Amino acid sequence: MTGPDPETKMQFLFALRSRGVTDPLVLEAMEEIDRGPFVRGIFAQRAYEDTPLPIACGQTISQPSVVGLMTQALQVSPRDTVLEVGTGSGYQAAILSKLARRVYTIDRHARLVREARALFEALHLPNVTSLVGDGSFGLPDQAPFDRIIVTAAAEDPPGPLLAQLKTGGIMVVPVGQSDTVQTLIRVRKTETGLDYDELRPVRFVPLLEGLGKET
């Protein structure tokens, strides 16, 4: 797979930094993982713009700066096992694969999981496991997780996911009604309870229960 030309890559990384993505390890991962293959069809030529774009199944690939800020907020270490709820294009999981020991990613749309899995194989990312399922209930068989990232908006941080987060762990999740601007929340699980930080306004597709219709 060929990546962007050097000038395009430089502009892409500059846009990330200018919007607050400053963690050198996150920037390195986002430089290494080319967004191009994750954007298909008529939108492929816009892969390096800092904008969300439509993908299959009525979903979107988040704008790169939001991917970077969410990854940065997650504070992933090389020993961490991460759960991502909402595989989508697979781009966020691919970024995480460069930072974590293992990434589990789950999506309710079988087509998205199939396409993302093919990309993970093509990019030689063996530490990513992609599964079809109802991500609102997490992956209890693989829990607990050091880090959890949710790429769809819930009205509140989902209880089943909080239960699968290790003490000392971090979850990053957009919270709010689906038809309004949401807030990106970071939740830290401590010995005494949960600490919440509001990070920034965002807009994500809603977190839905059940499996998507096959398309």
N, C-alpha and C. Protein backbone atom coordinates (compact mmCIF):
# COMPACT_ATOMS: atom_id res chain seq x y z
N MET A 1 0.85 -1.20 0.00
CA MET A 1 0.00 0.00 0.00
C MET A 1 0.88 1.25 0.00
N THR A 2 0.61 2.13 -0.93
CA THR A 2 1.39 3.36 -0.99
C THR A 2 0.72 4.42 -0.14
N GLY A 3 1.54 5.20 0.56
CA GLY A 3 1.01 6.23 1.43
C GLY A 3 0.97 7.58 0.74
N PRO A 4 0.67 8.63 1.50
CA PRO A 4 0.62 9.97 0.92
C PRO A 4 2.01 10.47 0.58
N ASP A 5 2.06 11.49 -0.29
CA ASP A 5 3.36 12.09 -0.59
C ASP A 5 3.85 12.85 0.63
N PRO A 6 5.16 13.14 0.70
CA PRO A 6 5.73 13.75 1.91
C PRO A 6 5.05 15.06 2.32
N GLU A 7 4.67 15.89 1.34
CA GLU A 7 4.05 17.17 1.68
C GLU A 7 2.67 16.95 2.32
N THR A 8 1.91 16.01 1.76
CA THR A 8 0.59 15.71 2.31
C THR A 8 0.72 15.16 3.73
N LYS A 9 1.70 14.27 3.92
CA LYS A 9 1.90 13.71 5.27
C LYS A 9 2.30 14.82 6.25
N MET A 10 3.15 15.75 5.81
CA MET A 10 3.57 16.83 6.69
C MET A 10 2.38 17.71 7.08
N GLN A 11 1.51 18.01 6.12
CA GLN A 11 0.32 18.82 6.40
C GLN A 11 -0.62 18.08 7.34
N PHE A 12 -0.74 16.77 7.14
CA PHE A 12 -1.59 15.93 7.99
C PHE A 12 -1.11 15.99 9.44
N LEU A 13 0.18 15.81 9.66
CA LEU A 13 0.73 15.82 11.02
C LEU A 13 0.68 17.22 11.63
N PHE A 14 0.87 18.25 10.80
CA PHE A 14 0.77 19.62 11.30
C PHE A 14 -0.65 19.91 11.80
N ALA A 15 -1.65 19.42 11.05
CA ALA A 15 -3.05 19.62 11.46
C ALA A 15 -3.31 18.95 12.81
N LEU A 16 -2.75 17.77 13.00
CA LEU A 16 -2.92 17.07 14.28
C LEU A 16 -2.33 17.90 15.42
N ARG A 17 -1.10 18.34 15.24
CA ARG A 17 -0.43 19.12 16.31
C ARG A 17 -1.18 20.42 16.59
N SER A 18 -1.64 21.08 15.56
CA SER A 18 -2.30 22.37 15.75
C SER A 18 -3.63 22.24 16.47
N ARG A 19 -4.19 21.02 16.49
CA ARG A 19 -5.46 20.79 17.18
C ARG A 19 -5.27 20.08 18.52
N GLY A 20 -4.03 20.03 18.99
CA GLY A 20 -3.79 19.58 20.35
C GLY A 20 -3.25 18.18 20.52
N VAL A 21 -2.97 17.48 19.41
CA VAL A 21 -2.36 16.15 19.52
C VAL A 21 -0.85 16.35 19.64
N THR A 22 -0.34 16.22 20.85
CA THR A 22 1.07 16.55 21.11
C THR A 22 1.88 15.38 21.63
N ASP A 23 1.22 14.29 22.03
CA ASP A 23 1.95 13.13 22.55
C ASP A 23 2.80 12.53 21.42
N PRO A 24 4.12 12.47 21.59
CA PRO A 24 4.99 12.00 20.50
C PRO A 24 4.71 10.56 20.08
N LEU A 25 4.32 9.72 21.02
CA LEU A 25 4.03 8.32 20.67
C LEU A 25 2.75 8.21 19.85
N VAL A 26 1.75 9.03 20.18
CA VAL A 26 0.51 9.04 19.40
C VAL A 26 0.78 9.58 18.00
N LEU A 27 1.54 10.65 17.90
CA LEU A 27 1.88 11.20 16.59
C LEU A 27 2.67 10.20 15.75
N GLU A 28 3.57 9.48 16.40
CA GLU A 28 4.35 8.48 15.67
C GLU A 28 3.45 7.37 15.14
N ALA A 29 2.50 6.92 15.96
CA ALA A 29 1.57 5.88 15.52
C ALA A 29 0.71 6.38 14.36
N MET A 30 0.28 7.64 14.42
CA MET A 30 -0.57 8.18 13.37
C MET A 30 0.21 8.48 12.10
N GLU A 31 1.51 8.66 12.24
CA GLU A 31 2.35 8.79 11.05
C GLU A 31 2.56 7.43 10.40
N GLU A 32 2.65 6.40 11.22
CA GLU A 32 2.92 5.06 10.72
C GLU A 32 1.70 4.42 10.07
N ILE A 33 0.51 4.67 10.64
CA ILE A 33 -0.72 4.09 10.09
C ILE A 33 -1.33 5.06 9.08
N ASP A 34 -1.30 4.68 7.83
CA ASP A 34 -1.82 5.50 6.74
C ASP A 34 -3.35 5.47 6.76
N ARG A 35 -3.98 6.63 6.85
CA ARG A 35 -5.45 6.68 6.86
C ARG A 35 -6.05 6.30 5.51
N GLY A 36 -5.27 6.42 4.46
CA GLY A 36 -5.77 6.20 3.11
C GLY A 36 -6.55 4.92 2.90
N PRO A 37 -6.00 3.75 3.28
CA PRO A 37 -6.71 2.49 3.03
C PRO A 37 -8.03 2.35 3.79
N PHE A 38 -8.23 3.16 4.82
CA PHE A 38 -9.44 3.06 5.63
C PHE A 38 -10.59 3.90 5.07
N VAL A 39 -10.32 4.68 4.03
CA VAL A 39 -11.34 5.52 3.39
C VAL A 39 -11.53 5.00 1.97
N ARG A 40 -12.76 4.64 1.65
CA ARG A 40 -13.01 3.97 0.37
C ARG A 40 -13.90 4.81 -0.54
N GLY A 41 -13.94 4.40 -1.81
CA GLY A 41 -14.87 4.98 -2.76
C GLY A 41 -14.60 6.43 -3.07
N ILE A 42 -15.68 7.20 -3.22
CA ILE A 42 -15.54 8.58 -3.70
C ILE A 42 -14.86 9.49 -2.69
N PHE A 43 -14.77 9.06 -1.44
CA PHE A 43 -14.16 9.90 -0.41
C PHE A 43 -12.67 9.62 -0.23
N ALA A 44 -12.13 8.66 -0.98
CA ALA A 44 -10.73 8.26 -0.80
C ALA A 44 -9.78 9.44 -1.01
N GLN A 45 -10.10 10.33 -1.93
CA GLN A 45 -9.21 11.45 -2.21
C GLN A 45 -9.17 12.47 -1.06
N ARG A 46 -10.08 12.32 -0.10
CA ARG A 46 -10.11 13.25 1.04
C ARG A 46 -9.57 12.61 2.31
N ALA A 47 -8.87 11.49 2.16
CA ALA A 47 -8.42 10.71 3.32
C ALA A 47 -7.51 11.50 4.26
N TYR A 48 -6.79 12.49 3.74
CA TYR A 48 -5.81 13.19 4.57
C TYR A 48 -6.30 14.54 5.05
N GLU A 49 -7.60 14.81 4.85
CA GLU A 49 -8.20 16.01 5.42
C GLU A 49 -8.59 15.73 6.87
N ASP A 50 -8.55 16.75 7.70
CA ASP A 50 -8.94 16.58 9.09
C ASP A 50 -10.45 16.74 9.20
N THR A 51 -11.15 15.72 8.70
CA THR A 51 -12.61 15.77 8.67
C THR A 51 -13.16 14.35 8.79
N PRO A 52 -14.33 14.19 9.42
CA PRO A 52 -14.98 12.87 9.40
C PRO A 52 -15.51 12.58 8.00
N LEU A 53 -15.56 11.32 7.63
CA LEU A 53 -16.04 10.94 6.30
C LEU A 53 -16.97 9.74 6.41
N PRO A 54 -17.94 9.63 5.50
CA PRO A 54 -18.85 8.48 5.54
C PRO A 54 -18.12 7.19 5.17
N ILE A 55 -18.53 6.10 5.83
CA ILE A 55 -18.11 4.76 5.45
C ILE A 55 -19.36 3.91 5.31
N ALA A 56 -19.21 2.62 5.10
CA ALA A 56 -20.35 1.73 4.89
C ALA A 56 -21.23 1.66 6.14
N CYS A 57 -22.43 1.11 5.96
CA CYS A 57 -23.38 0.83 7.05
C CYS A 57 -23.84 2.09 7.78
N GLY A 58 -23.80 3.25 7.08
CA GLY A 58 -24.27 4.48 7.68
C GLY A 58 -23.39 5.02 8.79
N GLN A 59 -22.13 4.57 8.84
CA GLN A 59 -21.21 5.00 9.88
C GLN A 59 -20.22 6.02 9.33
N THR A 60 -19.32 6.48 10.19
CA THR A 60 -18.30 7.45 9.75
C THR A 60 -16.94 7.04 10.29
N ILE A 61 -15.91 7.50 9.60
CA ILE A 61 -14.55 7.45 10.13
C ILE A 61 -14.30 8.82 10.76
N SER A 62 -13.90 8.84 12.01
CA SER A 62 -13.73 10.09 12.74
C SER A 62 -12.62 10.94 12.12
N GLN A 63 -12.69 12.24 12.36
CA GLN A 63 -11.61 13.09 11.86
C GLN A 63 -10.33 12.75 12.61
N PRO A 64 -9.19 12.80 11.91
CA PRO A 64 -7.93 12.35 12.50
C PRO A 64 -7.59 13.04 13.82
N SER A 65 -7.88 14.34 13.95
CA SER A 65 -7.50 15.02 15.19
C SER A 65 -8.30 14.48 16.37
N VAL A 66 -9.56 14.09 16.14
CA VAL A 66 -10.36 13.51 17.22
C VAL A 66 -9.83 12.12 17.58
N VAL A 67 -9.44 11.34 16.57
CA VAL A 67 -8.80 10.04 16.83
C VAL A 67 -7.54 10.25 17.68
N GLY A 68 -6.74 11.24 17.32
CA GLY A 68 -5.51 11.52 18.06
C GLY A 68 -5.79 11.97 19.48
N LEU A 69 -6.77 12.85 19.66
CA LEU A 69 -7.08 13.36 21.00
C LEU A 69 -7.66 12.27 21.89
N MET A 70 -8.49 11.40 21.32
CA MET A 70 -9.05 10.29 22.11
C MET A 70 -7.94 9.31 22.50
N THR A 71 -7.06 9.02 21.56
CA THR A 71 -5.94 8.11 21.84
C THR A 71 -5.03 8.71 22.91
N GLN A 72 -4.76 9.98 22.79
CA GLN A 72 -3.92 10.68 23.75
C GLN A 72 -4.55 10.66 25.15
N ALA A 73 -5.86 10.86 25.21
CA ALA A 73 -6.56 10.87 26.50
C ALA A 73 -6.56 9.49 27.16
N LEU A 74 -6.45 8.46 26.33
CA LEU A 74 -6.49 7.08 26.84
C LEU A 74 -5.19 6.70 27.58
N GLN A 75 -4.10 7.39 27.24
CA GLN A 75 -2.81 7.17 27.93
C GLN A 75 -2.42 5.68 27.91
N VAL A 76 -2.35 5.13 26.72
CA VAL A 76 -2.06 3.71 26.55
C VAL A 76 -0.58 3.44 26.79
N SER A 77 -0.30 2.34 27.50
CA SER A 77 1.08 1.91 27.69
C SER A 77 1.30 0.58 26.97
N PRO A 78 2.55 0.21 26.71
CA PRO A 78 2.83 -0.99 25.91
C PRO A 78 2.34 -2.29 26.53
N ARG A 79 2.03 -2.30 27.81
CA ARG A 79 1.54 -3.54 28.44
C ARG A 79 0.02 -3.63 28.47
N ASP A 80 -0.66 -2.61 27.99
CA ASP A 80 -2.10 -2.53 28.14
C ASP A 80 -2.86 -3.42 27.16
N THR A 81 -3.99 -3.93 27.64
CA THR A 81 -4.99 -4.56 26.78
C THR A 81 -6.15 -3.58 26.65
N VAL A 82 -6.52 -3.28 25.41
CA VAL A 82 -7.50 -2.24 25.13
C VAL A 82 -8.73 -2.86 24.47
N LEU A 83 -9.91 -2.41 24.90
CA LEU A 83 -11.15 -2.74 24.22
C LEU A 83 -11.65 -1.50 23.49
N GLU A 84 -11.91 -1.65 22.20
CA GLU A 84 -12.56 -0.60 21.43
C GLU A 84 -13.98 -1.04 21.09
N VAL A 85 -14.94 -0.21 21.42
CA VAL A 85 -16.34 -0.46 21.07
C VAL A 85 -16.69 0.41 19.88
N GLY A 86 -16.92 -0.23 18.73
CA GLY A 86 -17.20 0.50 17.50
C GLY A 86 -16.01 0.47 16.56
N THR A 87 -15.81 -0.66 15.88
CA THR A 87 -14.66 -0.81 15.00
C THR A 87 -14.69 0.20 13.86
N GLY A 88 -15.88 0.36 13.27
CA GLY A 88 -16.00 1.27 12.14
C GLY A 88 -15.05 0.89 11.02
N SER A 89 -14.25 1.83 10.57
CA SER A 89 -13.30 1.59 9.48
C SER A 89 -12.11 0.73 9.93
N GLY A 90 -11.86 0.71 11.25
CA GLY A 90 -10.68 0.02 11.76
C GLY A 90 -9.51 0.95 12.03
N TYR A 91 -9.64 2.22 11.66
CA TYR A 91 -8.52 3.15 11.76
C TYR A 91 -8.08 3.37 13.21
N GLN A 92 -9.05 3.57 14.10
CA GLN A 92 -8.70 3.81 15.51
C GLN A 92 -8.01 2.59 16.11
N ALA A 93 -8.50 1.40 15.81
CA ALA A 93 -7.89 0.17 16.35
C ALA A 93 -6.47 0.01 15.83
N ALA A 94 -6.25 0.36 14.57
CA ALA A 94 -4.91 0.25 13.99
C ALA A 94 -3.93 1.18 14.71
N ILE A 95 -4.37 2.39 15.00
CA ILE A 95 -3.53 3.33 15.77
C ILE A 95 -3.20 2.73 17.13
N LEU A 96 -4.22 2.22 17.81
CA LEU A 96 -4.03 1.65 19.14
C LEU A 96 -3.08 0.45 19.12
N SER A 97 -3.09 -0.29 18.01
CA SER A 97 -2.24 -1.48 17.93
C SER A 97 -0.76 -1.14 18.03
N LYS A 98 -0.42 0.09 17.68
CA LYS A 98 0.99 0.51 17.74
C LYS A 98 1.40 0.94 19.15
N LEU A 99 0.42 1.06 20.05
CA LEU A 99 0.68 1.58 21.39
C LEU A 99 0.44 0.54 22.49
N ALA A 100 -0.43 -0.43 22.24
CA ALA A 100 -0.88 -1.37 23.26
C ALA A 100 -0.30 -2.77 23.01
N ARG A 101 -0.41 -3.61 24.03
CA ARG A 101 -0.01 -5.01 23.87
C ARG A 101 -1.04 -5.75 23.02
N ARG A 102 -2.32 -5.53 23.31
CA ARG A 102 -3.38 -6.20 22.55
C ARG A 102 -4.60 -5.29 22.47
N VAL A 103 -5.26 -5.34 21.31
CA VAL A 103 -6.47 -4.56 21.08
C VAL A 103 -7.59 -5.50 20.67
N TYR A 104 -8.69 -5.44 21.39
CA TYR A 104 -9.93 -6.11 20.99
C TYR A 104 -10.87 -5.04 20.48
N THR A 105 -11.44 -5.26 19.30
CA THR A 105 -12.37 -4.28 18.76
C THR A 105 -13.63 -4.99 18.32
N ILE A 106 -14.78 -4.41 18.66
CA ILE A 106 -16.06 -5.06 18.42
C ILE A 106 -17.01 -4.09 17.72
N ASP A 107 -17.79 -4.62 16.77
CA ASP A 107 -18.75 -3.78 16.05
C ASP A 107 -20.00 -4.60 15.76
N ARG A 108 -21.13 -3.91 15.71
CA ARG A 108 -22.41 -4.59 15.46
C ARG A 108 -22.64 -4.87 13.98
N HIS A 109 -21.79 -4.33 13.10
CA HIS A 109 -21.94 -4.53 11.66
C HIS A 109 -20.90 -5.52 11.15
N ALA A 110 -21.35 -6.69 10.69
CA ALA A 110 -20.43 -7.73 10.23
C ALA A 110 -19.59 -7.26 9.05
N ARG A 111 -20.18 -6.47 8.17
CA ARG A 111 -19.42 -6.01 6.99
C ARG A 111 -18.23 -5.15 7.42
N LEU A 112 -18.44 -4.26 8.36
CA LEU A 112 -17.34 -3.41 8.82
C LEU A 112 -16.24 -4.24 9.46
N VAL A 113 -16.62 -5.24 10.24
CA VAL A 113 -15.61 -6.09 10.88
C VAL A 113 -14.82 -6.86 9.83
N ARG A 114 -15.51 -7.40 8.82
CA ARG A 114 -14.81 -8.13 7.75
C ARG A 114 -13.80 -7.23 7.04
N GLU A 115 -14.24 -6.03 6.68
CA GLU A 115 -13.36 -5.12 5.93
C GLU A 115 -12.19 -4.66 6.79
N ALA A 116 -12.46 -4.37 8.07
CA ALA A 116 -11.38 -3.95 8.97
C ALA A 116 -10.39 -5.08 9.19
N ARG A 117 -10.90 -6.29 9.37
CA ARG A 117 -10.03 -7.44 9.60
C ARG A 117 -9.08 -7.65 8.41
N ALA A 118 -9.59 -7.47 7.21
CA ALA A 118 -8.74 -7.60 6.02
C ALA A 118 -7.63 -6.56 6.03
N LEU A 119 -7.95 -5.34 6.47
CA LEU A 119 -6.93 -4.30 6.54
C LEU A 119 -5.89 -4.61 7.63
N PHE A 120 -6.34 -5.10 8.77
CA PHE A 120 -5.40 -5.44 9.84
C PHE A 120 -4.41 -6.50 9.35
N GLU A 121 -4.91 -7.46 8.58
CA GLU A 121 -4.03 -8.50 8.04
C GLU A 121 -3.07 -7.92 7.01
N ALA A 122 -3.58 -7.06 6.14
CA ALA A 122 -2.73 -6.46 5.11
C ALA A 122 -1.65 -5.57 5.72
N LEU A 123 -1.96 -4.94 6.85
CA LEU A 123 -1.01 -4.04 7.51
C LEU A 123 -0.14 -4.78 8.54
N HIS A 124 -0.34 -6.08 8.64
CA HIS A 124 0.45 -6.91 9.56
C HIS A 124 0.33 -6.41 11.00
N LEU A 125 -0.92 -6.39 11.46
CA LEU A 125 -1.21 -5.97 12.84
C LEU A 125 -1.78 -7.18 13.60
N PRO A 126 -0.92 -8.11 13.99
CA PRO A 126 -1.41 -9.36 14.59
C PRO A 126 -1.98 -9.20 16.00
N ASN A 127 -1.76 -8.06 16.63
CA ASN A 127 -2.24 -7.89 18.00
C ASN A 127 -3.64 -7.28 18.07
N VAL A 128 -4.34 -7.23 16.92
CA VAL A 128 -5.72 -6.75 16.89
C VAL A 128 -6.66 -7.92 16.66
N THR A 129 -7.66 -8.08 17.53
CA THR A 129 -8.70 -9.09 17.38
C THR A 129 -10.01 -8.36 17.13
N SER A 130 -10.64 -8.62 15.99
CA SER A 130 -11.88 -7.93 15.63
C SER A 130 -13.05 -8.92 15.67
N LEU A 131 -14.14 -8.48 16.28
CA LEU A 131 -15.28 -9.36 16.54
C LEU A 131 -16.59 -8.67 16.20
N VAL A 132 -17.56 -9.47 15.75
CA VAL A 132 -18.92 -8.97 15.54
C VAL A 132 -19.70 -9.19 16.83
N GLY A 133 -20.36 -8.16 17.31
CA GLY A 133 -21.14 -8.30 18.52
C GLY A 133 -21.73 -6.99 18.97
N ASP A 134 -22.49 -7.05 20.05
CA ASP A 134 -23.12 -5.87 20.65
C ASP A 134 -22.11 -5.26 21.62
N GLY A 135 -21.43 -4.24 21.16
CA GLY A 135 -20.36 -3.64 21.96
C GLY A 135 -20.83 -2.96 23.23
N SER A 136 -22.12 -2.64 23.33
CA SER A 136 -22.61 -1.97 24.53
C SER A 136 -22.47 -2.87 25.76
N PHE A 137 -22.31 -4.17 25.53
CA PHE A 137 -22.11 -5.11 26.63
C PHE A 137 -20.64 -5.51 26.79
N GLY A 138 -19.77 -4.92 25.95
CA GLY A 138 -18.34 -5.21 26.07
C GLY A 138 -17.98 -6.62 25.66
N LEU A 139 -16.90 -7.11 26.24
CA LEU A 139 -16.42 -8.47 26.00
C LEU A 139 -16.10 -9.11 27.34
N PRO A 140 -17.10 -9.58 28.06
CA PRO A 140 -16.85 -10.11 29.40
C PRO A 140 -15.86 -11.26 29.44
N ASP A 141 -15.80 -12.05 28.37
CA ASP A 141 -14.88 -13.20 28.36
C ASP A 141 -13.42 -12.77 28.36
N GLN A 142 -13.14 -11.56 27.89
CA GLN A 142 -11.76 -11.06 27.82
C GLN A 142 -11.45 -10.03 28.91
N ALA A 143 -12.45 -9.66 29.67
CA ALA A 143 -12.27 -8.63 30.70
C ALA A 143 -11.45 -9.19 31.87
N PRO A 144 -10.86 -8.30 32.68
CA PRO A 144 -10.95 -6.83 32.63
C PRO A 144 -9.93 -6.22 31.66
N PHE A 145 -10.19 -4.96 31.28
CA PHE A 145 -9.34 -4.24 30.35
C PHE A 145 -8.63 -3.08 31.05
N ASP A 146 -7.41 -2.80 30.59
CA ASP A 146 -6.67 -1.65 31.11
C ASP A 146 -7.25 -0.35 30.58
N ARG A 147 -7.71 -0.39 29.34
CA ARG A 147 -8.24 0.80 28.68
C ARG A 147 -9.46 0.40 27.85
N ILE A 148 -10.46 1.26 27.82
CA ILE A 148 -11.64 1.07 26.97
C ILE A 148 -11.91 2.37 26.24
N ILE A 149 -12.14 2.27 24.94
CA ILE A 149 -12.47 3.44 24.13
C ILE A 149 -13.76 3.14 23.38
N VAL A 150 -14.69 4.09 23.43
CA VAL A 150 -16.00 3.93 22.79
C VAL A 150 -16.10 4.98 21.69
N THR A 151 -16.35 4.53 20.46
CA THR A 151 -16.38 5.47 19.34
C THR A 151 -17.81 5.69 18.84
N ALA A 152 -18.75 5.61 19.77
CA ALA A 152 -20.14 5.97 19.52
C ALA A 152 -20.68 6.57 20.81
N ALA A 153 -21.67 7.46 20.67
CA ALA A 153 -22.11 8.23 21.83
C ALA A 153 -23.18 7.50 22.64
N ALA A 154 -22.98 7.45 23.95
CA ALA A 154 -23.96 6.89 24.88
C ALA A 154 -24.55 8.02 25.71
N GLU A 155 -25.76 7.80 26.26
CA GLU A 155 -26.35 8.83 27.12
C GLU A 155 -25.57 8.94 28.43
N ASP A 156 -25.01 7.83 28.88
CA ASP A 156 -24.16 7.77 30.06
C ASP A 156 -23.08 6.73 29.79
N PRO A 157 -21.93 6.82 30.47
CA PRO A 157 -20.93 5.76 30.32
C PRO A 157 -21.57 4.41 30.63
N PRO A 158 -21.53 3.45 29.69
CA PRO A 158 -22.26 2.19 29.86
C PRO A 158 -21.77 1.38 31.07
N GLY A 159 -22.72 0.97 31.91
CA GLY A 159 -22.38 0.21 33.11
C GLY A 159 -21.61 -1.07 32.84
N PRO A 160 -22.01 -1.88 31.83
CA PRO A 160 -21.27 -3.11 31.57
C PRO A 160 -19.80 -2.84 31.20
N LEU A 161 -19.55 -1.73 30.53
CA LEU A 161 -18.17 -1.40 30.16
C LEU A 161 -17.37 -0.94 31.38
N LEU A 162 -17.98 -0.13 32.21
CA LEU A 162 -17.31 0.30 33.44
C LEU A 162 -16.96 -0.90 34.31
N ALA A 163 -17.84 -1.90 34.32
CA ALA A 163 -17.60 -3.09 35.13
C ALA A 163 -16.41 -3.89 34.60
N GLN A 164 -16.13 -3.76 33.29
CA GLN A 164 -15.03 -4.51 32.68
C GLN A 164 -13.71 -3.74 32.66
N LEU A 165 -13.71 -2.56 33.26
CA LEU A 165 -12.50 -1.73 33.34
C LEU A 165 -11.75 -2.05 34.63
N LYS A 166 -10.45 -2.29 34.51
CA LYS A 166 -9.64 -2.58 35.69
C LYS A 166 -9.59 -1.37 36.61
N THR A 167 -9.41 -1.62 37.89
CA THR A 167 -9.10 -0.54 38.81
C THR A 167 -7.77 0.08 38.38
N GLY A 168 -7.75 1.41 38.27
CA GLY A 168 -6.59 2.09 37.71
C GLY A 168 -6.70 2.30 36.21
N GLY A 169 -7.76 1.76 35.61
CA GLY A 169 -7.94 1.87 34.16
C GLY A 169 -8.62 3.16 33.75
N ILE A 170 -8.63 3.40 32.43
CA ILE A 170 -9.21 4.61 31.86
C ILE A 170 -10.16 4.22 30.73
N MET A 171 -11.33 4.87 30.71
CA MET A 171 -12.25 4.76 29.58
C MET A 171 -12.50 6.13 28.99
N VAL A 172 -12.48 6.21 27.67
CA VAL A 172 -12.79 7.45 26.96
C VAL A 172 -14.05 7.19 26.14
N VAL A 173 -15.08 8.03 26.34
CA VAL A 173 -16.37 7.79 25.71
C VAL A 173 -17.08 9.11 25.44
N PRO A 174 -17.71 9.27 24.27
CA PRO A 174 -18.57 10.43 24.03
C PRO A 174 -19.90 10.22 24.74
N VAL A 175 -20.37 11.23 25.42
CA VAL A 175 -21.61 11.12 26.20
C VAL A 175 -22.55 12.26 25.79
N GLY A 176 -23.82 11.90 25.57
CA GLY A 176 -24.81 12.91 25.24
C GLY A 176 -25.90 12.35 24.35
N GLN A 177 -26.97 13.11 24.17
CA GLN A 177 -28.05 12.69 23.29
C GLN A 177 -27.54 12.64 21.85
N SER A 178 -28.08 11.72 21.07
CA SER A 178 -27.56 11.52 19.71
C SER A 178 -27.83 12.70 18.79
N ASP A 179 -28.84 13.51 19.09
CA ASP A 179 -29.17 14.61 18.19
C ASP A 179 -28.63 15.96 18.67
N THR A 180 -27.73 15.93 19.63
CA THR A 180 -27.10 17.17 20.09
C THR A 180 -25.59 16.99 20.12
N VAL A 181 -24.89 18.08 20.35
CA VAL A 181 -23.45 17.97 20.53
C VAL A 181 -23.16 17.21 21.82
N GLN A 182 -22.23 16.29 21.72
CA GLN A 182 -21.89 15.47 22.88
C GLN A 182 -20.59 15.96 23.50
N THR A 183 -20.27 15.40 24.65
CA THR A 183 -19.04 15.72 25.35
C THR A 183 -18.18 14.48 25.46
N LEU A 184 -16.90 14.64 25.12
CA LEU A 184 -15.97 13.53 25.28
C LEU A 184 -15.54 13.47 26.75
N ILE A 185 -15.75 12.31 27.36
CA ILE A 185 -15.50 12.11 28.78
C ILE A 185 -14.36 11.11 28.98
N ARG A 186 -13.49 11.40 29.94
CA ARG A 186 -12.50 10.41 30.37
C ARG A 186 -12.88 9.96 31.78
N VAL A 187 -13.01 8.66 31.94
CA VAL A 187 -13.37 8.07 33.23
C VAL A 187 -12.17 7.30 33.77
N ARG A 188 -11.76 7.61 34.98
CA ARG A 188 -10.70 6.85 35.66
C ARG A 188 -11.35 6.03 36.77
N LYS A 189 -11.04 4.75 36.79
CA LYS A 189 -11.58 3.87 37.81
C LYS A 189 -10.56 3.75 38.94
N THR A 190 -10.94 4.19 40.14
CA THR A 190 -10.04 4.18 41.28
C THR A 190 -10.53 3.19 42.33
N GLU A 191 -9.76 3.04 43.37
CA GLU A 191 -10.16 2.15 44.47
C GLU A 191 -11.44 2.63 45.14
N THR A 192 -11.70 3.91 45.07
CA THR A 192 -12.84 4.48 45.78
C THR A 192 -14.02 4.85 44.89
N GLY A 193 -13.88 4.68 43.57
CA GLY A 193 -14.99 5.02 42.69
C GLY A 193 -14.53 5.43 41.31
N LEU A 194 -15.26 6.36 40.70
CA LEU A 194 -15.00 6.80 39.33
C LEU A 194 -14.75 8.30 39.31
N ASP A 195 -13.70 8.71 38.63
CA ASP A 195 -13.41 10.13 38.43
C ASP A 195 -13.68 10.48 36.97
N TYR A 196 -14.36 11.61 36.74
CA TYR A 196 -14.76 12.01 35.40
C TYR A 196 -14.07 13.31 35.00
N ASP A 197 -13.56 13.36 33.77
CA ASP A 197 -13.03 14.59 33.20
C ASP A 197 -13.78 14.87 31.90
N GLU A 198 -14.26 16.10 31.73
CA GLU A 198 -14.84 16.50 30.45
C GLU A 198 -13.72 17.05 29.59
N LEU A 199 -13.57 16.51 28.38
CA LEU A 199 -12.43 16.86 27.54
C LEU A 199 -12.76 17.89 26.47
N ARG A 200 -13.83 17.65 25.70
CA ARG A 200 -14.16 18.58 24.62
C ARG A 200 -15.50 18.18 24.00
N PRO A 201 -16.16 19.12 23.31
CA PRO A 201 -17.38 18.75 22.59
C PRO A 201 -17.04 17.92 21.35
N VAL A 202 -17.88 16.94 21.05
CA VAL A 202 -17.68 16.09 19.88
C VAL A 202 -19.04 15.73 19.29
N ARG A 203 -19.03 15.04 18.18
CA ARG A 203 -20.28 14.52 17.60
C ARG A 203 -19.99 13.15 17.00
N PHE A 204 -20.65 12.14 17.57
CA PHE A 204 -20.49 10.76 17.12
C PHE A 204 -21.85 10.15 16.80
N VAL A 205 -21.84 9.08 16.01
CA VAL A 205 -23.06 8.30 15.81
C VAL A 205 -23.46 7.70 17.16
N PRO A 206 -24.73 7.39 17.37
CA PRO A 206 -25.17 6.86 18.67
C PRO A 206 -24.72 5.41 18.88
N LEU A 207 -24.49 5.07 20.14
CA LEU A 207 -24.20 3.69 20.53
C LEU A 207 -25.52 2.94 20.60
N LEU A 208 -25.67 1.93 19.75
CA LEU A 208 -26.93 1.18 19.66
C LEU A 208 -26.73 -0.26 20.15
N GLU A 209 -27.76 -0.79 20.77
CA GLU A 209 -27.72 -2.19 21.17
C GLU A 209 -28.14 -3.08 20.00
N GLY A 210 -27.76 -4.35 20.09
CA GLY A 210 -28.13 -5.31 19.06
C GLY A 210 -27.14 -5.32 17.90
N LEU A 211 -27.39 -6.20 16.94
CA LEU A 211 -26.53 -6.32 15.76
C LEU A 211 -27.11 -5.56 14.60
N GLY A 212 -26.25 -5.04 13.73
CA GLY A 212 -26.71 -4.31 12.57
C GLY A 212 -27.20 -5.26 11.50
N LYS A 213 -28.04 -4.74 10.61
CA LYS A 213 -28.49 -5.54 9.47
C LYS A 213 -27.34 -5.73 8.50
N GLU A 214 -27.19 -6.94 8.02
CA GLU A 214 -26.10 -7.24 7.10
C GLU A 214 -26.34 -6.54 5.76
N THR A 215 -25.28 -5.84 5.28
CA THR A 215 -25.39 -5.16 3.99
C THR A 215 -24.22 -5.53 3.13
